């Protein structure tokens, strides 16, 4: 980033964010600013996959009943637990993951490669994101990734996360480094507390060795950022949609002092250079 480029953060906010020694980055959010309607494509595949299971699996009655019970305890209403819509997916997704784990002992994220299908090759390189991670790593920043999909623990094996990083332009050595620094917060749903629960955040701090007051978190979910902010984490709202956020979300972001950024890679690069 050159001096002639528009700065994303105010000087005061940049001072705050660049002082943090730990990053917690939701890497999936970094791809939704790309064309091809990837986000919508993934949601459609998730809905299609779940509805097929709920309607045709031998244990479909138990699946629907378990999901209904979980939704009820969380005060979530959907029209038909056997046929969810894309609009309902936002609130229903964590209960769905928990349901399939309880009834089928099934990790829903095993389907993630199917959700992306042939769209992985549509993910474009992001030199800003790659440079941001490289500079931060060289400066000793503790970079941690969390994702809603699997990251293979075995060196050289590419799962969801590794495919995304490769398509974004990361070199093999950085992909291998980040493999050890990847944490799937949402997987804790099987224990009844996926993100953004406080217990989920506490476990992340144990995993990363991070101190909340020394950490920044970039995520598109204000619920996650609100929980992180309550711990003392500096939040960054990665709003990558062309549409204007709803007023209630804007108010939440204002209350937790979370700047809204359009390009995650460019924002992180500005922070890394100022560190």
C-alpha atoms as a PDB file:
ATOM      1  CA  UNK A   1       0.000   0.000   0.000  1.00  0.00           C
ATOM      2  CA  UNK A   2       1.481   3.328  -1.024  1.00  0.00           C
ATOM      3  CA  UNK A   3       1.091   6.730   0.563  1.00  0.00           C
ATOM      4  CA  UNK A   4      -1.134   7.794  -2.325  1.00  0.00           C
ATOM      5  CA  UNK A   5      -3.715   5.111  -1.676  1.00  0.00           C
ATOM      6  CA  UNK A   6      -6.789   5.867   0.383  1.00  0.00           C
ATOM      7  CA  UNK A   7      -6.396   4.892   4.007  1.00  0.00           C
ATOM      8  CA  UNK A   8      -9.030   2.538   5.352  1.00  0.00           C
ATOM      9  CA  UNK A   9      -8.721   3.376   9.044  1.00  0.00           C
ATOM     10  CA  UNK A  10      -8.510   6.636  10.920  1.00  0.00           C
ATOM     11  CA  UNK A  11      -5.081   7.315  12.473  1.00  0.00           C
ATOM     12  CA  UNK A  12      -6.455   6.596  15.937  1.00  0.00           C
ATOM     13  CA  UNK A  13      -8.064   3.302  14.932  1.00  0.00           C
ATOM     14  CA  UNK A  14      -4.958   2.247  13.013  1.00  0.00           C
ATOM     15  CA  UNK A  15      -2.813   2.914  16.081  1.00  0.00           C
ATOM     16  CA  UNK A  16      -5.100   0.676  18.122  1.00  0.00           C
ATOM     17  CA  UNK A  17      -5.284  -2.186  15.629  1.00  0.00           C
ATOM     18  CA  UNK A  18      -1.611  -2.140  14.673  1.00  0.00           C
ATOM     19  CA  UNK A  19      -0.629  -2.527  18.330  1.00  0.00           C
ATOM     20  CA  UNK A  20      -2.218  -5.984  18.519  1.00  0.00           C
ATOM     21  CA  UNK A  21       0.143  -8.954  18.551  1.00  0.00           C
ATOM     22  CA  UNK A  22      -2.444 -11.606  17.646  1.00  0.00           C
ATOM     23  CA  UNK A  23      -4.789 -11.868  14.674  1.00  0.00           C
ATOM     24  CA  UNK A  24      -7.915 -14.020  14.536  1.00  0.00           C
ATOM     25  CA  UNK A  25      -9.164 -14.047  10.952  1.00  0.00           C
ATOM     26  CA  UNK A  26     -12.237 -15.762   9.557  1.00  0.00           C
ATOM     27  CA  UNK A  27     -10.644 -16.718   6.257  1.00  0.00           C
ATOM     28  CA  UNK A  28     -13.933 -17.614   4.565  1.00  0.00           C
ATOM     29  CA  UNK A  29     -15.045 -14.005   4.891  1.00  0.00           C
ATOM     30  CA  UNK A  30     -12.057 -12.998   2.790  1.00  0.00           C
ATOM     31  CA  UNK A  31     -13.494 -14.630  -0.330  1.00  0.00           C
ATOM     32  CA  UNK A  32     -16.988 -13.193  -0.417  1.00  0.00           C
ATOM     33  CA  UNK A  33     -15.935  -9.934  -2.052  1.00  0.00           C
ATOM     34  CA  UNK A  34     -15.295 -11.882  -5.259  1.00  0.00           C
ATOM     35  CA  UNK A  35     -17.591 -12.191  -8.243  1.00  0.00           C
ATOM     36  CA  UNK A  36     -19.429 -15.292  -9.435  1.00  0.00           C
ATOM     37  CA  UNK A  37     -21.987 -15.214  -6.604  1.00  0.00           C
ATOM     38  CA  UNK A  38     -19.918 -17.679  -4.590  1.00  0.00           C
ATOM     39  CA  UNK A  39     -21.598 -16.956  -1.267  1.00  0.00           C
ATOM     40  CA  UNK A  40     -25.075 -17.517  -2.699  1.00  0.00           C
ATOM     41  CA  UNK A  41     -23.894 -20.644  -4.504  1.00  0.00           C
ATOM     42  CA  UNK A  42     -22.592 -22.136  -1.249  1.00  0.00           C
ATOM     43  CA  UNK A  43     -25.790 -21.335   0.639  1.00  0.00           C
ATOM     44  CA  UNK A  44     -27.881 -22.977  -2.057  1.00  0.00           C
ATOM     45  CA  UNK A  45     -25.780 -26.126  -1.852  1.00  0.00           C
ATOM     46  CA  UNK A  46     -26.010 -26.235   1.949  1.00  0.00           C
ATOM     47  CA  UNK A  47     -29.796 -25.923   1.828  1.00  0.00           C
ATOM     48  CA  UNK A  48     -30.047 -28.530  -0.916  1.00  0.00           C
ATOM     49  CA  UNK A  49     -27.810 -30.964   0.983  1.00  0.00           C
ATOM     50  CA  UNK A  50     -29.637 -30.647   4.304  1.00  0.00           C
ATOM     51  CA  UNK A  51     -33.108 -30.840   2.779  1.00  0.00           C
ATOM     52  CA  UNK A  52     -32.150 -34.016   0.937  1.00  0.00           C
ATOM     53  CA  UNK A  53     -30.949 -35.581   4.191  1.00  0.00           C
ATOM     54  CA  UNK A  54     -34.041 -34.453   6.113  1.00  0.00           C
ATOM     55  CA  UNK A  55     -36.387 -35.837   3.468  1.00  0.00           C
ATOM     56  CA  UNK A  56     -34.686 -39.077   2.414  1.00  0.00           C
ATOM     57  CA  UNK A  57     -32.330 -40.299   5.138  1.00  0.00           C
ATOM     58  CA  UNK A  58     -33.493 -43.410   7.051  1.00  0.00           C
ATOM     59  CA  UNK A  59     -33.227 -41.377  10.270  1.00  0.00           C
ATOM     60  CA  UNK A  60     -35.092 -38.380   8.866  1.00  0.00           C
ATOM     61  CA  UNK A  61     -37.812 -38.457  11.537  1.00  0.00           C
ATOM     62  CA  UNK A  62     -35.242 -38.319  14.325  1.00  0.00           C
ATOM     63  CA  UNK A  63     -33.355 -35.589  12.472  1.00  0.00           C
ATOM     64  CA  UNK A  64     -36.430 -33.402  12.086  1.00  0.00           C
ATOM     65  CA  UNK A  65     -37.534 -33.965  15.690  1.00  0.00           C
ATOM     66  CA  UNK A  66     -34.085 -33.241  17.119  1.00  0.00           C
ATOM     67  CA  UNK A  67     -33.733 -30.105  15.037  1.00  0.00           C
ATOM     68  CA  UNK A  68     -37.195 -28.941  16.109  1.00  0.00           C
ATOM     69  CA  UNK A  69     -36.264 -29.424  19.772  1.00  0.00           C
ATOM     70  CA  UNK A  70     -33.010 -27.502  19.419  1.00  0.00           C
ATOM     71  CA  UNK A  71     -34.698 -24.672  17.544  1.00  0.00           C
ATOM     72  CA  UNK A  72     -37.354 -24.447  20.249  1.00  0.00           C
ATOM     73  CA  UNK A  73     -34.807 -24.196  23.070  1.00  0.00           C
ATOM     74  CA  UNK A  74     -33.051 -21.387  21.180  1.00  0.00           C
ATOM     75  CA  UNK A  75     -36.291 -19.559  20.316  1.00  0.00           C
ATOM     76  CA  UNK A  76     -35.652 -19.955  16.588  1.00  0.00           C
ATOM     77  CA  UNK A  77     -38.647 -20.355  14.291  1.00  0.00           C
ATOM     78  CA  UNK A  78     -38.526 -21.869  10.818  1.00  0.00           C
ATOM     79  CA  UNK A  79     -41.525 -22.847   8.726  1.00  0.00           C
ATOM     80  CA  UNK A  80     -40.585 -26.477   8.032  1.00  0.00           C
ATOM     81  CA  UNK A  81     -37.617 -28.245   9.703  1.00  0.00           C
ATOM     82  CA  UNK A  82     -37.684 -30.736   6.841  1.00  0.00           C
ATOM     83  CA  UNK A  83     -37.328 -28.082   4.160  1.00  0.00           C
ATOM     84  CA  UNK A  84     -35.431 -24.978   5.191  1.00  0.00           C
ATOM     85  CA  UNK A  85     -35.025 -21.957   2.952  1.00  0.00           C
ATOM     86  CA  UNK A  86     -31.941 -19.899   2.188  1.00  0.00           C
ATOM     87  CA  UNK A  87     -33.405 -17.020   4.196  1.00  0.00           C
ATOM     88  CA  UNK A  88     -33.700 -19.296   7.243  1.00  0.00           C
ATOM     89  CA  UNK A  89     -30.188 -20.705   6.935  1.00  0.00           C
ATOM     90  CA  UNK A  90     -28.461 -17.988   8.941  1.00  0.00           C
ATOM     91  CA  UNK A  91     -30.181 -18.877  12.212  1.00  0.00           C
ATOM     92  CA  UNK A  92     -30.797 -22.555  11.442  1.00  0.00           C
ATOM     93  CA  UNK A  93     -27.278 -23.541  10.389  1.00  0.00           C
ATOM     94  CA  UNK A  94     -25.695 -24.091  13.840  1.00  0.00           C
ATOM     95  CA  UNK A  95     -28.696 -26.157  15.050  1.00  0.00           C
ATOM     96  CA  UNK A  96     -28.503 -28.204  11.832  1.00  0.00           C
ATOM     97  CA  UNK A  97     -24.842 -29.021  12.427  1.00  0.00           C
ATOM     98  CA  UNK A  98     -25.570 -30.022  16.012  1.00  0.00           C
ATOM     99  CA  UNK A  99     -28.564 -32.118  14.957  1.00  0.00           C
ATOM    100  CA  UNK A 100     -26.667 -34.149  12.385  1.00  0.00           C
ATOM    101  CA  UNK A 101     -23.871 -34.731  14.848  1.00  0.00           C
ATOM    102  CA  UNK A 102     -26.255 -35.988  17.526  1.00  0.00           C
ATOM    103  CA  UNK A 103     -28.424 -38.156  15.276  1.00  0.00           C
ATOM    104  CA  UNK A 104     -25.965 -39.324  12.632  1.00  0.00           C
ATOM    105  CA  UNK A 105     -22.624 -38.755  14.358  1.00  0.00           C
ATOM    106  CA  UNK A 106     -21.965 -36.818  11.185  1.00  0.00           C
ATOM    107  CA  UNK A 107     -19.640 -33.877  10.709  1.00  0.00           C
ATOM    108  CA  UNK A 108     -21.668 -31.611   8.441  1.00  0.00           C
ATOM    109  CA  UNK A 109     -18.489 -29.898   7.294  1.00  0.00           C
ATOM    110  CA  UNK A 110     -17.427 -33.079   5.538  1.00  0.00           C
ATOM    111  CA  UNK A 111     -19.851 -31.892   2.866  1.00  0.00           C
ATOM    112  CA  UNK A 112     -18.069 -28.587   2.402  1.00  0.00           C
ATOM    113  CA  UNK A 113     -16.162 -29.643  -0.702  1.00  0.00           C
ATOM    114  CA  UNK A 114     -19.552 -30.439  -2.210  1.00  0.00           C
ATOM    115  CA  UNK A 115     -20.847 -26.995  -1.232  1.00  0.00           C
ATOM    116  CA  UNK A 116     -18.057 -25.308  -3.189  1.00  0.00           C
ATOM    117  CA  UNK A 117     -18.036 -27.889  -5.969  1.00  0.00           C
ATOM    118  CA  UNK A 118     -16.216 -26.561  -9.010  1.00  0.00           C
ATOM    119  CA  UNK A 119     -16.302 -23.027  -7.623  1.00  0.00           C
ATOM    120  CA  UNK A 120     -12.930 -23.346  -5.862  1.00  0.00           C
ATOM    121  CA  UNK A 121     -11.228 -22.422  -9.132  1.00  0.00           C
ATOM    122  CA  UNK A 122     -13.307 -19.241  -9.235  1.00  0.00           C
ATOM    123  CA  UNK A 123     -11.576 -17.898  -6.113  1.00  0.00           C
ATOM    124  CA  UNK A 124      -9.153 -15.250  -7.317  1.00  0.00           C
ATOM    125  CA  UNK A 125      -5.722 -14.332  -5.913  1.00  0.00           C
ATOM    126  CA  UNK A 126      -5.572 -11.511  -3.374  1.00  0.00           C
ATOM    127  CA  UNK A 127      -2.080 -10.051  -3.241  1.00  0.00           C
ATOM    128  CA  UNK A 128      -3.059  -7.702  -0.413  1.00  0.00           C
ATOM    129  CA  UNK A 129      -4.131 -10.600   1.777  1.00  0.00           C
ATOM    130  CA  UNK A 130      -1.001 -12.610   0.981  1.00  0.00           C
ATOM    131  CA  UNK A 131       1.288  -9.639   1.633  1.00  0.00           C
ATOM    132  CA  UNK A 132      -0.542  -8.787   4.855  1.00  0.00           C
ATOM    133  CA  UNK A 133      -0.010 -12.279   6.243  1.00  0.00           C
ATOM    134  CA  UNK A 134       3.627 -12.351   5.091  1.00  0.00           C
ATOM    135  CA  UNK A 135       4.478  -9.009   6.669  1.00  0.00           C
ATOM    136  CA  UNK A 136       2.610  -9.834   9.875  1.00  0.00           C
ATOM    137  CA  UNK A 137       4.388 -13.193  10.131  1.00  0.00           C
ATOM    138  CA  UNK A 138       7.808 -11.587   9.649  1.00  0.00           C
ATOM    139  CA  UNK A 139       6.982  -9.031  12.339  1.00  0.00           C
ATOM    140  CA  UNK A 140       6.136 -11.776  14.811  1.00  0.00           C
ATOM    141  CA  UNK A 141       2.358 -11.372  14.859  1.00  0.00           C
ATOM    142  CA  UNK A 142       0.585 -14.527  16.030  1.00  0.00           C
ATOM    143  CA  UNK A 143      -1.722 -15.189  13.055  1.00  0.00           C
ATOM    144  CA  UNK A 144      -4.634 -17.536  13.692  1.00  0.00           C
ATOM    145  CA  UNK A 145      -7.309 -18.615  11.258  1.00  0.00           C
ATOM    146  CA  UNK A 146     -10.731 -19.902  12.080  1.00  0.00           C
ATOM    147  CA  UNK A 147     -13.048 -21.307   9.485  1.00  0.00           C
ATOM    148  CA  UNK A 148     -16.424 -22.946   9.146  1.00  0.00           C
ATOM    149  CA  UNK A 149     -14.897 -25.826   7.240  1.00  0.00           C
ATOM    150  CA  UNK A 150     -12.294 -28.539   7.615  1.00  0.00           C
ATOM    151  CA  UNK A 151      -8.567 -27.955   7.600  1.00  0.00           C
ATOM    152  CA  UNK A 152      -6.567 -31.127   7.075  1.00  0.00           C
ATOM    153  CA  UNK A 153      -4.066 -31.624   9.933  1.00  0.00           C
ATOM    154  CA  UNK A 154      -1.746 -33.662   7.699  1.00  0.00           C
ATOM    155  CA  UNK A 155       1.030 -31.874   5.857  1.00  0.00           C
ATOM    156  CA  UNK A 156       0.543 -31.737   2.117  1.00  0.00           C
ATOM    157  CA  UNK A 157      -3.117 -32.767   2.246  1.00  0.00           C
ATOM    158  CA  UNK A 158      -5.509 -30.156   0.880  1.00  0.00           C
ATOM    159  CA  UNK A 159      -8.909 -29.772   2.476  1.00  0.00           C
ATOM    160  CA  UNK A 160     -11.275 -26.804   2.355  1.00  0.00           C
ATOM    161  CA  UNK A 161      -8.981 -24.276   4.039  1.00  0.00           C
ATOM    162  CA  UNK A 162      -5.883 -25.270   2.108  1.00  0.00           C
ATOM    163  CA  UNK A 163      -7.769 -24.995  -1.180  1.00  0.00           C
ATOM    164  CA  UNK A 164      -8.918 -21.478  -0.323  1.00  0.00           C
ATOM    165  CA  UNK A 165      -5.438 -20.341   0.692  1.00  0.00           C
ATOM    166  CA  UNK A 166      -3.921 -21.827  -2.453  1.00  0.00           C
ATOM    167  CA  UNK A 167      -6.441 -20.070  -4.673  1.00  0.00           C
ATOM    168  CA  UNK A 168      -5.858 -16.798  -2.835  1.00  0.00           C
ATOM    169  CA  UNK A 169      -2.182 -16.987  -3.782  1.00  0.00           C
ATOM    170  CA  UNK A 170      -0.479 -18.265  -0.624  1.00  0.00           C
ATOM    171  CA  UNK A 171       2.744 -20.225  -1.102  1.00  0.00           C
ATOM    172  CA  UNK A 172       3.090 -23.757   0.210  1.00  0.00           C
ATOM    173  CA  UNK A 173       5.316 -22.789   3.153  1.00  0.00           C
ATOM    174  CA  UNK A 174       2.744 -20.292   4.462  1.00  0.00           C
ATOM    175  CA  UNK A 175      -0.112 -22.728   3.904  1.00  0.00           C
ATOM    176  CA  UNK A 176       1.758 -25.286   5.998  1.00  0.00           C
ATOM    177  CA  UNK A 177       2.442 -22.711   8.717  1.00  0.00           C
ATOM    178  CA  UNK A 178      -1.207 -21.683   8.851  1.00  0.00           C
ATOM    179  CA  UNK A 179      -2.296 -25.325   8.941  1.00  0.00           C
ATOM    180  CA  UNK A 180      -1.014 -25.445  12.521  1.00  0.00           C
ATOM    181  CA  UNK A 181      -2.700 -22.149  13.366  1.00  0.00           C
ATOM    182  CA  UNK A 182      -6.213 -23.002  12.240  1.00  0.00           C
ATOM    183  CA  UNK A 183      -9.105 -23.403  14.631  1.00  0.00           C
ATOM    184  CA  UNK A 184     -12.688 -24.244  13.761  1.00  0.00           C
ATOM    185  CA  UNK A 185     -14.790 -22.476  16.359  1.00  0.00           C
ATOM    186  CA  UNK A 186     -18.065 -23.565  14.820  1.00  0.00           C
ATOM    187  CA  UNK A 187     -17.165 -27.234  15.233  1.00  0.00           C
ATOM    188  CA  UNK A 188     -17.835 -26.808  18.942  1.00  0.00           C
ATOM    189  CA  UNK A 189     -21.524 -26.883  18.122  1.00  0.00           C
ATOM    190  CA  UNK A 190     -21.377 -30.617  18.737  1.00  0.00           C
ATOM    191  CA  UNK A 191     -20.672 -29.760  22.376  1.00  0.00           C
ATOM    192  CA  UNK A 192     -23.560 -27.328  22.423  1.00  0.00           C
ATOM    193  CA  UNK A 193     -21.646 -24.073  22.215  1.00  0.00           C
ATOM    194  CA  UNK A 194     -20.553 -22.969  18.800  1.00  0.00           C
ATOM    195  CA  UNK A 195     -19.424 -19.451  18.141  1.00  0.00           C
ATOM    196  CA  UNK A 196     -20.286 -16.864  19.248  1.00  0.00           C
ATOM    197  CA  UNK A 197     -20.678 -18.364  22.728  1.00  0.00           C
ATOM    198  CA  UNK A 198     -18.257 -17.159  25.432  1.00  0.00           C
ATOM    199  CA  UNK A 199     -17.030 -20.734  25.975  1.00  0.00           C
ATOM    200  CA  UNK A 200     -16.138 -20.970  22.310  1.00  0.00           C
ATOM    201  CA  UNK A 201     -14.052 -17.811  22.592  1.00  0.00           C
ATOM    202  CA  UNK A 202     -12.358 -19.051  25.752  1.00  0.00           C
ATOM    203  CA  UNK A 203     -11.351 -22.233  23.967  1.00  0.00           C
ATOM    204  CA  UNK A 204      -9.954 -20.199  21.104  1.00  0.00           C
ATOM    205  CA  UNK A 205      -7.737 -18.259  23.496  1.00  0.00           C
ATOM    206  CA  UNK A 206      -6.490 -21.542  24.990  1.00  0.00           C
ATOM    207  CA  UNK A 207      -5.761 -22.896  21.515  1.00  0.00           C
ATOM    208  CA  UNK A 208      -3.926 -19.814  20.279  1.00  0.00           C
ATOM    209  CA  UNK A 209      -2.244 -18.777  23.506  1.00  0.00           C
ATOM    210  CA  UNK A 210      -3.553 -15.290  22.820  1.00  0.00           C
ATOM    211  CA  UNK A 211      -4.468 -12.625  25.320  1.00  0.00           C
ATOM    212  CA  UNK A 212      -7.805 -10.980  24.452  1.00  0.00           C
ATOM    213  CA  UNK A 213      -6.533  -7.454  24.998  1.00  0.00           C
ATOM    214  CA  UNK A 214      -3.683  -8.108  22.532  1.00  0.00           C
ATOM    215  CA  UNK A 215      -5.941  -9.582  19.826  1.00  0.00           C
ATOM    216  CA  UNK A 216      -7.855  -8.258  16.844  1.00  0.00           C
ATOM    217  CA  UNK A 217     -10.595 -10.290  15.181  1.00  0.00           C
ATOM    218  CA  UNK A 218     -11.902  -9.895  11.629  1.00  0.00           C
ATOM    219  CA  UNK A 219     -15.280 -11.501  10.990  1.00  0.00           C
ATOM    220  CA  UNK A 220     -18.467 -10.797   9.071  1.00  0.00           C
ATOM    221  CA  UNK A 221     -20.653 -11.875  12.003  1.00  0.00           C
ATOM    222  CA  UNK A 222     -21.461  -9.121  14.471  1.00  0.00           C
ATOM    223  CA  UNK A 223     -22.610 -11.728  16.984  1.00  0.00           C
ATOM    224  CA  UNK A 224     -19.112 -13.211  16.959  1.00  0.00           C
ATOM    225  CA  UNK A 225     -17.535  -9.779  17.164  1.00  0.00           C
ATOM    226  CA  UNK A 226     -19.803  -8.751  20.045  1.00  0.00           C
ATOM    227  CA  UNK A 227     -18.692 -11.784  22.061  1.00  0.00           C
ATOM    228  CA  UNK A 228     -15.055 -11.114  21.199  1.00  0.00           C
ATOM    229  CA  UNK A 229     -15.444  -7.458  22.138  1.00  0.00           C
ATOM    230  CA  UNK A 230     -16.861  -8.445  25.517  1.00  0.00           C
ATOM    231  CA  UNK A 231     -13.556 -10.241  26.160  1.00  0.00           C
ATOM    232  CA  UNK A 232     -11.559  -7.160  25.181  1.00  0.00           C
ATOM    233  CA  UNK A 233     -10.729  -8.146  21.592  1.00  0.00           C
ATOM    234  CA  UNK A 234     -10.558  -5.362  18.991  1.00  0.00           C
ATOM    235  CA  UNK A 235     -13.221  -6.174  16.354  1.00  0.00           C
ATOM    236  CA  UNK A 236     -13.143  -5.538  12.601  1.00  0.00           C
ATOM    237  CA  UNK A 237     -16.389  -6.018  10.705  1.00  0.00           C
ATOM    238  CA  UNK A 238     -15.642  -7.517   7.299  1.00  0.00           C
ATOM    239  CA  UNK A 239     -18.765  -6.465   5.449  1.00  0.00           C
ATOM    240  CA  UNK A 240     -18.103  -7.690   1.903  1.00  0.00           C
ATOM    241  CA  UNK A 241     -21.556  -7.281   0.414  1.00  0.00           C
ATOM    242  CA  UNK A 242     -22.501  -4.522  -2.008  1.00  0.00           C
ATOM    243  CA  UNK A 243     -25.766  -4.138  -0.108  1.00  0.00           C
ATOM    244  CA  UNK A 244     -26.148  -1.757   2.810  1.00  0.00           C
ATOM    245  CA  UNK A 245     -26.232  -3.492   6.216  1.00  0.00           C
ATOM    246  CA  UNK A 246     -29.437  -3.366   8.203  1.00  0.00           C
ATOM    247  CA  UNK A 247     -29.729  -0.544  10.721  1.00  0.00           C
ATOM    248  CA  UNK A 248     -29.595  -2.833  13.761  1.00  0.00           C
ATOM    249  CA  UNK A 249     -26.265  -4.289  12.598  1.00  0.00           C
ATOM    250  CA  UNK A 250     -24.875  -0.827  12.005  1.00  0.00           C
ATOM    251  CA  UNK A 251     -25.874   0.102  15.548  1.00  0.00           C
ATOM    252  CA  UNK A 252     -24.224  -3.001  17.025  1.00  0.00           C
ATOM    253  CA  UNK A 253     -21.015  -2.247  15.148  1.00  0.00           C
ATOM    254  CA  UNK A 254     -21.101   1.314  16.440  1.00  0.00           C
ATOM    255  CA  UNK A 255     -21.629   0.168  20.024  1.00  0.00           C
ATOM    256  CA  UNK A 256     -18.617  -2.166  19.959  1.00  0.00           C
ATOM    257  CA  UNK A 257     -16.514   0.295  17.938  1.00  0.00           C
ATOM    258  CA  UNK A 258     -16.026  -2.151  15.056  1.00  0.00           C
ATOM    259  CA  UNK A 259     -14.918  -0.464  11.819  1.00  0.00           C
ATOM    260  CA  UNK A 260     -16.600  -1.826   8.701  1.00  0.00           C
ATOM    261  CA  UNK A 261     -14.210  -2.790   5.910  1.00  0.00           C
ATOM    262  CA  UNK A 262     -15.025  -3.768   2.347  1.00  0.00           C
ATOM    263  CA  UNK A 263     -11.722  -5.412   1.415  1.00  0.00           C
ATOM    264  CA  UNK A 264     -10.307  -7.643   4.129  1.00  0.00           C
ATOM    265  CA  UNK A 265      -6.911  -8.073   2.493  1.00  0.00           C
ATOM    266  CA  UNK A 266      -6.322  -4.354   2.034  1.00  0.00           C
ATOM    267  CA  UNK A 267      -7.413  -3.633   5.607  1.00  0.00           C
ATOM    268  CA  UNK A 268      -5.070  -6.237   7.083  1.00  0.00           C
ATOM    269  CA  UNK A 269      -2.200  -5.005   4.922  1.00  0.00           C
ATOM    270  CA  UNK A 270      -2.642  -1.480   6.249  1.00  0.00           C
ATOM    271  CA  UNK A 271      -2.546  -2.838   9.797  1.00  0.00           C
ATOM    272  CA  UNK A 272       0.486  -5.061   9.150  1.00  0.00           C
ATOM    273  CA  UNK A 273       2.498  -2.222   7.622  1.00  0.00           C
ATOM    274  CA  UNK A 274       1.753   0.007  10.617  1.00  0.00           C
ATOM    275  CA  UNK A 275       2.623  -2.647  13.234  1.00  0.00           C
END
